[in-house]
All heavy atoms as atom14 arrays in JSON, in Angstrom:
{
  "sequence": "NTAEVMYHAETNEQTLHAVTDFARAINMIPFVLKKEQ",
  "atom14_mask": [
    [1, 1, 1, 1, 1, 1, 1, 1, 0, 0, 0, 0, 0, 0],
    [1, 1, 1, 1, 1, 1, 1, 0, 0, 0, 0, 0, 0, 0],
    [1, 1, 1, 1, 1, 0, 0, 0, 0, 0, 0, 0, 0, 0],
    [1, 1, 1, 1, 1, 1, 1, 1, 1, 0, 0, 0, 0, 0],
    [1, 1, 1, 1, 1, 1, 1, 0, 0, 0, 0, 0, 0, 0],
    [1, 1, 1, 1, 1, 1, 1, 1, 0, 0, 0, 0, 0, 0],
    [1, 1, 1, 1, 1, 1, 1, 1, 1, 1, 1, 1, 0, 0],
    [1, 1, 1, 1, 1, 1, 1, 1, 1, 1, 0, 0, 0, 0],
    [1, 1, 1, 1, 1, 0, 0, 0, 0, 0, 0, 0, 0, 0],
    [1, 1, 1, 1, 1, 1, 1, 1, 1, 0, 0, 0, 0, 0],
    [1, 1, 1, 1, 1, 1, 1, 0, 0, 0, 0, 0, 0, 0],
    [1, 1, 1, 1, 1, 1, 1, 1, 0, 0, 0, 0, 0, 0],
    [1, 1, 1, 1, 1, 1, 1, 1, 1, 0, 0, 0, 0, 0],
    [1, 1, 1, 1, 1, 1, 1, 1, 1, 0, 0, 0, 0, 0],
    [1, 1, 1, 1, 1, 1, 1, 0, 0, 0, 0, 0, 0, 0],
    [1, 1, 1, 1, 1, 1, 1, 1, 0, 0, 0, 0, 0, 0],
    [1, 1, 1, 1, 1, 1, 1, 1, 1, 1, 0, 0, 0, 0],
    [1, 1, 1, 1, 1, 0, 0, 0, 0, 0, 0, 0, 0, 0],
    [1, 1, 1, 1, 1, 1, 1, 0, 0, 0, 0, 0, 0, 0],
    [1, 1, 1, 1, 1, 1, 1, 0, 0, 0, 0, 0, 0, 0],
    [1, 1, 1, 1, 1, 1, 1, 1, 0, 0, 0, 0, 0, 0],
    [1, 1, 1, 1, 1, 1, 1, 1, 1, 1, 1, 0, 0, 0],
    [1, 1, 1, 1, 1, 0, 0, 0, 0, 0, 0, 0, 0, 0],
    [1, 1, 1, 1, 1, 1, 1, 1, 1, 1, 1, 0, 0, 0],
    [1, 1, 1, 1, 1, 0, 0, 0, 0, 0, 0, 0, 0, 0],
    [1, 1, 1, 1, 1, 1, 1, 1, 0, 0, 0, 0, 0, 0],
    [1, 1, 1, 1, 1, 1, 1, 1, 0, 0, 0, 0, 0, 0],
    [1, 1, 1, 1, 1, 1, 1, 1, 0, 0, 0, 0, 0, 0],
    [1, 1, 1, 1, 1, 1, 1, 1, 0, 0, 0, 0, 0, 0],
    [1, 1, 1, 1, 1, 1, 1, 0, 0, 0, 0, 0, 0, 0],
    [1, 1, 1, 1, 1, 1, 1, 1, 1, 1, 1, 0, 0, 0],
    [1, 1, 1, 1, 1, 1, 1, 0, 0, 0, 0, 0, 0, 0],
    [1, 1, 1, 1, 1, 1, 1, 1, 0, 0, 0, 0, 0, 0],
    [1, 1, 1, 1, 1, 1, 1, 1, 1, 0, 0, 0, 0, 0],
    [1, 1, 1, 1, 1, 1, 1, 1, 1, 0, 0, 0, 0, 0],
    [1, 1, 1, 1, 1, 1, 1, 1, 1, 0, 0, 0, 0, 0],
    [1, 1, 1, 1, 1, 1, 1, 1, 1, 0, 0, 0, 0, 0]
  ],
  "atom14_positions": [
    [[53.38, 211.31, 65.5], [52.78, 212.14, 66.63], [53.66, 212.08, 67.85], [53.05, 211.74, 68.94], [51.33, 211.82, 66.89], [51.12, 210.26, 67.36], [51.94, 209.44, 66.87], [50.07, 210.11, 68.23], [0.0, 0.0, 0.0], [0.0, 0.0, 0.0], [0.0, 0.0, 0.0], [0.0, 0.0, 0.0], [0.0, 0.0, 0.0], [0.0, 0.0, 0.0]],
    [[54.87, 212.39, 67.81], [55.65, 212.58, 68.94], [55.8, 214.09, 69.32], [55.9, 215.04, 68.38], [57.03, 212.04, 68.72], [57.71, 212.7, 67.65], [57.0, 210.65, 68.53], [0.0, 0.0, 0.0], [0.0, 0.0, 0.0], [0.0, 0.0, 0.0], [0.0, 0.0, 0.0], [0.0, 0.0, 0.0], [0.0, 0.0, 0.0], [0.0, 0.0, 0.0]],
    [[55.8, 214.54, 70.49], [56.12, 215.86, 71.07], [57.26, 215.73, 71.98], [56.94, 215.29, 73.1], [54.96, 216.49, 71.45], [0.0, 0.0, 0.0], [0.0, 0.0, 0.0], [0.0, 0.0, 0.0], [0.0, 0.0, 0.0], [0.0, 0.0, 0.0], [0.0, 0.0, 0.0], [0.0, 0.0, 0.0], [0.0, 0.0, 0.0], [0.0, 0.0, 0.0]],
    [[58.32, 216.25, 71.66], [59.52, 216.24, 72.52], [59.54, 217.56, 73.42], [59.53, 218.61, 72.75], [60.86, 216.05, 71.8], [60.93, 214.71, 70.99], [62.12, 214.51, 70.27], [62.3, 215.06, 69.21], [63.13, 213.88, 70.85], [0.0, 0.0, 0.0], [0.0, 0.0, 0.0], [0.0, 0.0, 0.0], [0.0, 0.0, 0.0], [0.0, 0.0, 0.0]],
    [[59.53, 217.46, 74.64], [59.49, 218.59, 75.57], [60.73, 218.67, 76.29], [61.09, 217.84, 76.95], [58.29, 218.41, 76.58], [58.17, 219.65, 77.5], [56.94, 218.1, 75.87], [0.0, 0.0, 0.0], [0.0, 0.0, 0.0], [0.0, 0.0, 0.0], [0.0, 0.0, 0.0], [0.0, 0.0, 0.0], [0.0, 0.0, 0.0], [0.0, 0.0, 0.0]],
    [[61.44, 219.85, 76.02], [62.77, 220.16, 76.6], [62.71, 221.37, 77.51], [62.53, 222.44, 76.97], [63.85, 220.2, 75.57], [65.24, 220.15, 76.23], [66.48, 220.87, 75.01], [66.32, 219.83, 73.51], [0.0, 0.0, 0.0], [0.0, 0.0, 0.0], [0.0, 0.0, 0.0], [0.0, 0.0, 0.0], [0.0, 0.0, 0.0], [0.0, 0.0, 0.0]],
    [[62.84, 221.09, 78.86], [62.82, 222.4, 79.63], [64.27, 222.68, 80.01], [65.23, 222.05, 79.54], [62.07, 221.96, 81.04], [62.55, 220.85, 81.85], [63.55, 220.96, 82.76], [61.97, 219.58, 81.48], [63.96, 219.86, 83.45], [62.39, 218.54, 82.33], [63.34, 218.75, 83.39], [63.8, 217.45, 83.98], [0.0, 0.0, 0.0], [0.0, 0.0, 0.0]],
    [[64.5, 223.82, 80.58], [65.82, 224.3, 80.99], [65.75, 224.64, 82.52], [64.8, 224.26, 83.18], [66.17, 225.47, 80.28], [65.3, 226.69, 80.39], [65.64, 227.79, 81.3], [64.06, 227.0, 79.9], [64.63, 228.67, 81.31], [63.72, 228.21, 80.57], [0.0, 0.0, 0.0], [0.0, 0.0, 0.0], [0.0, 0.0, 0.0], [0.0, 0.0, 0.0]],
    [[66.88, 224.98, 83.1], [66.97, 225.15, 84.52], [65.92, 225.97, 85.11], [65.49, 225.72, 86.41], [68.4, 225.6, 84.9], [0.0, 0.0, 0.0], [0.0, 0.0, 0.0], [0.0, 0.0, 0.0], [0.0, 0.0, 0.0], [0.0, 0.0, 0.0], [0.0, 0.0, 0.0], [0.0, 0.0, 0.0], [0.0, 0.0, 0.0], [0.0, 0.0, 0.0]],
    [[65.5, 227.07, 84.53], [64.5, 227.87, 85.06], [63.05, 227.58, 84.78], [62.27, 228.26, 85.3], [64.89, 229.29, 84.66], [66.18, 229.81, 85.16], [66.54, 231.21, 84.76], [65.89, 232.17, 85.42], [67.25, 231.4, 83.81], [0.0, 0.0, 0.0], [0.0, 0.0, 0.0], [0.0, 0.0, 0.0], [0.0, 0.0, 0.0], [0.0, 0.0, 0.0]],
    [[62.81, 226.64, 83.97], [61.4, 226.38, 83.61], [60.68, 225.85, 84.99], [61.24, 224.89, 85.57], [61.31, 225.15, 82.5], [62.04, 225.62, 81.4], [59.81, 224.98, 82.18], [0.0, 0.0, 0.0], [0.0, 0.0, 0.0], [0.0, 0.0, 0.0], [0.0, 0.0, 0.0], [0.0, 0.0, 0.0], [0.0, 0.0, 0.0], [0.0, 0.0, 0.0]],
    [[59.55, 226.32, 85.29], [58.75, 225.76, 86.47], [57.87, 224.62, 86.04], [57.68, 224.28, 84.97], [58.09, 226.77, 87.2], [56.86, 227.37, 86.24], [56.2, 226.75, 85.59], [56.48, 228.7, 86.47], [0.0, 0.0, 0.0], [0.0, 0.0, 0.0], [0.0, 0.0, 0.0], [0.0, 0.0, 0.0], [0.0, 0.0, 0.0], [0.0, 0.0, 0.0]],
    [[57.52, 223.92, 87.15], [56.83, 222.61, 87.05], [55.47, 222.84, 86.43], [54.93, 222.03, 85.57], [56.61, 221.85, 88.43], [56.26, 220.51, 88.31], [56.3, 219.91, 89.5], [56.91, 220.35, 90.55], [55.68, 218.81, 89.73], [0.0, 0.0, 0.0], [0.0, 0.0, 0.0], [0.0, 0.0, 0.0], [0.0, 0.0, 0.0], [0.0, 0.0, 0.0]],
    [[54.77, 224.02, 86.71], [53.46, 224.28, 86.21], [53.59, 224.32, 84.6], [52.68, 223.84, 83.91], [52.83, 225.51, 86.77], [52.58, 225.45, 88.16], [53.64, 225.49, 89.12], [54.89, 225.85, 88.79], [53.54, 225.36, 90.41], [0.0, 0.0, 0.0], [0.0, 0.0, 0.0], [0.0, 0.0, 0.0], [0.0, 0.0, 0.0], [0.0, 0.0, 0.0]],
    [[54.6, 225.05, 84.06], [54.77, 225.12, 82.7], [54.9, 223.83, 82.01], [54.29, 223.55, 80.97], [55.97, 226.08, 82.36], [55.68, 227.44, 82.98], [56.2, 226.19, 80.8], [0.0, 0.0, 0.0], [0.0, 0.0, 0.0], [0.0, 0.0, 0.0], [0.0, 0.0, 0.0], [0.0, 0.0, 0.0], [0.0, 0.0, 0.0], [0.0, 0.0, 0.0]],
    [[55.88, 223.02, 82.58], [55.98, 221.69, 82.02], [54.77, 220.94, 81.83], [54.52, 220.23, 81.04], [57.08, 221.0, 82.79], [57.5, 219.47, 82.47], [58.09, 219.6, 81.05], [58.31, 218.95, 83.39], [0.0, 0.0, 0.0], [0.0, 0.0, 0.0], [0.0, 0.0, 0.0], [0.0, 0.0, 0.0], [0.0, 0.0, 0.0], [0.0, 0.0, 0.0]],
    [[53.91, 220.93, 83.0], [52.67, 220.12, 83.02], [51.63, 220.75, 82.06], [51.05, 219.87, 81.37], [52.09, 220.11, 84.36], [52.78, 219.24, 85.44], [53.46, 218.07, 85.11], [53.04, 219.45, 86.74], [54.04, 217.55, 86.15], [53.87, 218.43, 87.21], [0.0, 0.0, 0.0], [0.0, 0.0, 0.0], [0.0, 0.0, 0.0], [0.0, 0.0, 0.0]],
    [[51.66, 222.06, 81.88], [50.73, 222.65, 81.07], [50.98, 222.25, 79.52], [50.1, 222.02, 78.87], [50.68, 224.17, 81.12], [0.0, 0.0, 0.0], [0.0, 0.0, 0.0], [0.0, 0.0, 0.0], [0.0, 0.0, 0.0], [0.0, 0.0, 0.0], [0.0, 0.0, 0.0], [0.0, 0.0, 0.0], [0.0, 0.0, 0.0], [0.0, 0.0, 0.0]],
    [[52.23, 222.37, 79.1], [52.58, 221.99, 77.87], [52.54, 220.59, 77.47], [52.09, 220.17, 76.46], [54.15, 222.54, 77.53], [54.6, 221.99, 76.17], [54.11, 224.03, 77.52], [0.0, 0.0, 0.0], [0.0, 0.0, 0.0], [0.0, 0.0, 0.0], [0.0, 0.0, 0.0], [0.0, 0.0, 0.0], [0.0, 0.0, 0.0], [0.0, 0.0, 0.0]],
    [[52.83, 219.52, 78.36], [52.73, 218.18, 78.19], [51.27, 217.83, 77.97], [50.82, 217.05, 77.24], [53.36, 217.36, 79.16], [52.93, 217.75, 80.57], [54.87, 217.42, 79.12], [0.0, 0.0, 0.0], [0.0, 0.0, 0.0], [0.0, 0.0, 0.0], [0.0, 0.0, 0.0], [0.0, 0.0, 0.0], [0.0, 0.0, 0.0], [0.0, 0.0, 0.0]],
    [[50.43, 218.51, 78.85], [48.93, 218.32, 78.77], [48.32, 218.71, 77.42], [47.54, 218.11, 76.77], [48.15, 219.09, 79.94], [48.4, 218.35, 81.25], [48.9, 217.16, 81.31], [48.09, 218.99, 82.28], [0.0, 0.0, 0.0], [0.0, 0.0, 0.0], [0.0, 0.0, 0.0], [0.0, 0.0, 0.0], [0.0, 0.0, 0.0], [0.0, 0.0, 0.0]],
    [[48.88, 219.85, 76.95], [48.48, 220.33, 75.65], [48.84, 219.4, 74.64], [48.23, 219.16, 73.63], [49.2, 221.76, 75.43], [49.04, 222.16, 73.93], [47.92, 222.52, 73.4], [50.18, 222.22, 73.14], [47.78, 222.98, 72.04], [50.13, 222.51, 71.87], [49.0, 222.93, 71.19], [0.0, 0.0, 0.0], [0.0, 0.0, 0.0], [0.0, 0.0, 0.0]],
    [[50.11, 218.82, 74.64], [50.51, 217.84, 73.63], [49.63, 216.72, 73.56], [49.19, 216.32, 72.45], [51.97, 217.5, 73.91], [0.0, 0.0, 0.0], [0.0, 0.0, 0.0], [0.0, 0.0, 0.0], [0.0, 0.0, 0.0], [0.0, 0.0, 0.0], [0.0, 0.0, 0.0], [0.0, 0.0, 0.0], [0.0, 0.0, 0.0], [0.0, 0.0, 0.0]],
    [[49.33, 216.24, 74.65], [48.4, 215.04, 74.69], [46.98, 215.48, 74.19], [46.4, 214.66, 73.53], [48.07, 214.52, 76.15], [49.33, 213.81, 76.86], [49.11, 213.24, 78.06], [50.24, 212.88, 78.89], [50.98, 213.6, 79.67], [50.47, 214.71, 80.12], [52.09, 213.03, 80.32], [0.0, 0.0, 0.0], [0.0, 0.0, 0.0], [0.0, 0.0, 0.0]],
    [[46.53, 216.59, 74.34], [45.25, 217.03, 73.92], [45.11, 217.05, 72.48], [43.93, 217.09, 71.9], [44.97, 218.39, 74.67], [0.0, 0.0, 0.0], [0.0, 0.0, 0.0], [0.0, 0.0, 0.0], [0.0, 0.0, 0.0], [0.0, 0.0, 0.0], [0.0, 0.0, 0.0], [0.0, 0.0, 0.0], [0.0, 0.0, 0.0], [0.0, 0.0, 0.0]],
    [[46.26, 217.33, 71.8], [46.3, 217.43, 70.33], [46.72, 216.14, 69.74], [47.28, 216.1, 68.57], [47.1, 218.62, 69.82], [48.57, 218.61, 70.16], [46.42, 220.02, 70.34], [49.42, 219.51, 69.5], [0.0, 0.0, 0.0], [0.0, 0.0, 0.0], [0.0, 0.0, 0.0], [0.0, 0.0, 0.0], [0.0, 0.0, 0.0], [0.0, 0.0, 0.0]],
    [[46.57, 215.06, 70.4], [46.76, 213.7, 69.92], [48.29, 213.38, 69.79], [48.74, 212.51, 69.04], [46.12, 213.41, 68.6], [45.84, 211.96, 68.38], [45.6, 211.19, 69.24], [46.16, 211.65, 67.06], [0.0, 0.0, 0.0], [0.0, 0.0, 0.0], [0.0, 0.0, 0.0], [0.0, 0.0, 0.0], [0.0, 0.0, 0.0], [0.0, 0.0, 0.0]],
    [[49.14, 214.02, 70.52], [50.57, 213.85, 70.58], [50.91, 213.0, 71.75], [50.27, 212.93, 72.7], [51.35, 215.08, 70.46], [50.96, 216.07, 69.44], [51.13, 215.33, 67.66], [52.82, 215.28, 67.47], [0.0, 0.0, 0.0], [0.0, 0.0, 0.0], [0.0, 0.0, 0.0], [0.0, 0.0, 0.0], [0.0, 0.0, 0.0], [0.0, 0.0, 0.0]],
    [[52.04, 212.32, 71.68], [52.63, 211.43, 72.79], [53.88, 212.32, 73.15], [54.88, 212.42, 72.46], [53.14, 210.12, 72.28], [51.86, 209.34, 71.71], [53.79, 209.35, 73.41], [52.35, 208.01, 71.09], [0.0, 0.0, 0.0], [0.0, 0.0, 0.0], [0.0, 0.0, 0.0], [0.0, 0.0, 0.0], [0.0, 0.0, 0.0], [0.0, 0.0, 0.0]],
    [[53.87, 212.84, 74.34], [54.9, 213.78, 74.93], [55.97, 212.9, 75.4], [55.9, 211.92, 76.22], [54.18, 214.53, 75.98], [53.12, 213.78, 76.47], [52.68, 212.93, 75.36], [0.0, 0.0, 0.0], [0.0, 0.0, 0.0], [0.0, 0.0, 0.0], [0.0, 0.0, 0.0], [0.0, 0.0, 0.0], [0.0, 0.0, 0.0], [0.0, 0.0, 0.0]],
    [[57.29, 213.34, 75.05], [58.45, 212.74, 75.64], [59.3, 213.75, 76.33], [59.73, 214.75, 75.61], [59.34, 212.08, 74.5], [58.65, 210.93, 73.81], [57.77, 211.0, 72.69], [58.83, 209.66, 74.28], [57.09, 210.0, 72.12], [58.35, 208.49, 73.67], [57.46, 208.69, 72.62], [0.0, 0.0, 0.0], [0.0, 0.0, 0.0], [0.0, 0.0, 0.0]],
    [[59.41, 213.75, 77.59], [60.05, 214.88, 78.36], [61.46, 214.36, 78.59], [61.94, 213.36, 79.06], [59.29, 215.0, 79.79], [60.09, 216.03, 80.59], [57.84, 215.39, 79.56], [0.0, 0.0, 0.0], [0.0, 0.0, 0.0], [0.0, 0.0, 0.0], [0.0, 0.0, 0.0], [0.0, 0.0, 0.0], [0.0, 0.0, 0.0], [0.0, 0.0, 0.0]],
    [[62.37, 215.33, 78.08], [63.75, 215.15, 78.39], [64.19, 215.63, 79.67], [63.73, 216.58, 80.22], [64.53, 215.89, 77.22], [64.79, 215.18, 75.85], [63.51, 215.31, 75.07], [65.86, 215.88, 75.1], [0.0, 0.0, 0.0], [0.0, 0.0, 0.0], [0.0, 0.0, 0.0], [0.0, 0.0, 0.0], [0.0, 0.0, 0.0], [0.0, 0.0, 0.0]],
    [[65.12, 214.85, 80.42], [65.48, 215.21, 81.69], [66.68, 216.3, 81.64], [66.97, 216.96, 82.59], [66.07, 213.92, 82.37], [65.0, 212.95, 82.62], [65.53, 211.7, 82.97], [66.3, 211.65, 84.23], [66.81, 210.31, 84.61], [0.0, 0.0, 0.0], [0.0, 0.0, 0.0], [0.0, 0.0, 0.0], [0.0, 0.0, 0.0], [0.0, 0.0, 0.0]],
    [[67.25, 216.34, 80.58], [68.4, 217.45, 80.4], [68.28, 218.02, 79.0], [67.7, 217.48, 78.05], [69.8, 216.84, 80.52], [70.0, 216.18, 81.93], [71.38, 215.53, 82.03], [71.83, 215.11, 83.27], [73.05, 214.41, 83.29], [0.0, 0.0, 0.0], [0.0, 0.0, 0.0], [0.0, 0.0, 0.0], [0.0, 0.0, 0.0], [0.0, 0.0, 0.0]],
    [[68.85, 219.19, 78.78], [68.96, 219.76, 77.55], [69.89, 218.98, 76.57], [71.07, 218.54, 76.97], [69.37, 221.32, 77.49], [68.34, 222.2, 78.18], [68.91, 223.62, 78.11], [69.85, 224.02, 78.71], [68.25, 224.49, 77.35], [0.0, 0.0, 0.0], [0.0, 0.0, 0.0], [0.0, 0.0, 0.0], [0.0, 0.0, 0.0], [0.0, 0.0, 0.0]],
    [[69.46, 218.77, 75.32], [70.26, 218.01, 74.27], [70.0, 218.62, 72.86], [68.85, 218.66, 72.58], [69.92, 216.55, 74.46], [70.31, 215.72, 73.23], [71.87, 215.6, 73.2], [72.57, 215.62, 74.14], [72.36, 215.35, 71.99], [0.0, 0.0, 0.0], [0.0, 0.0, 0.0], [0.0, 0.0, 0.0], [0.0, 0.0, 0.0], [0.0, 0.0, 0.0]]
  ]
}
């Protein structure tokens, strides 16, 4: 239950928070990458 969250230069903070919150809500552990890989 890992959820890797990769944003890009134009992704806004609200989107990032909404998606990581969703991942937690479905029993996943979100891992946010600081850069694209």
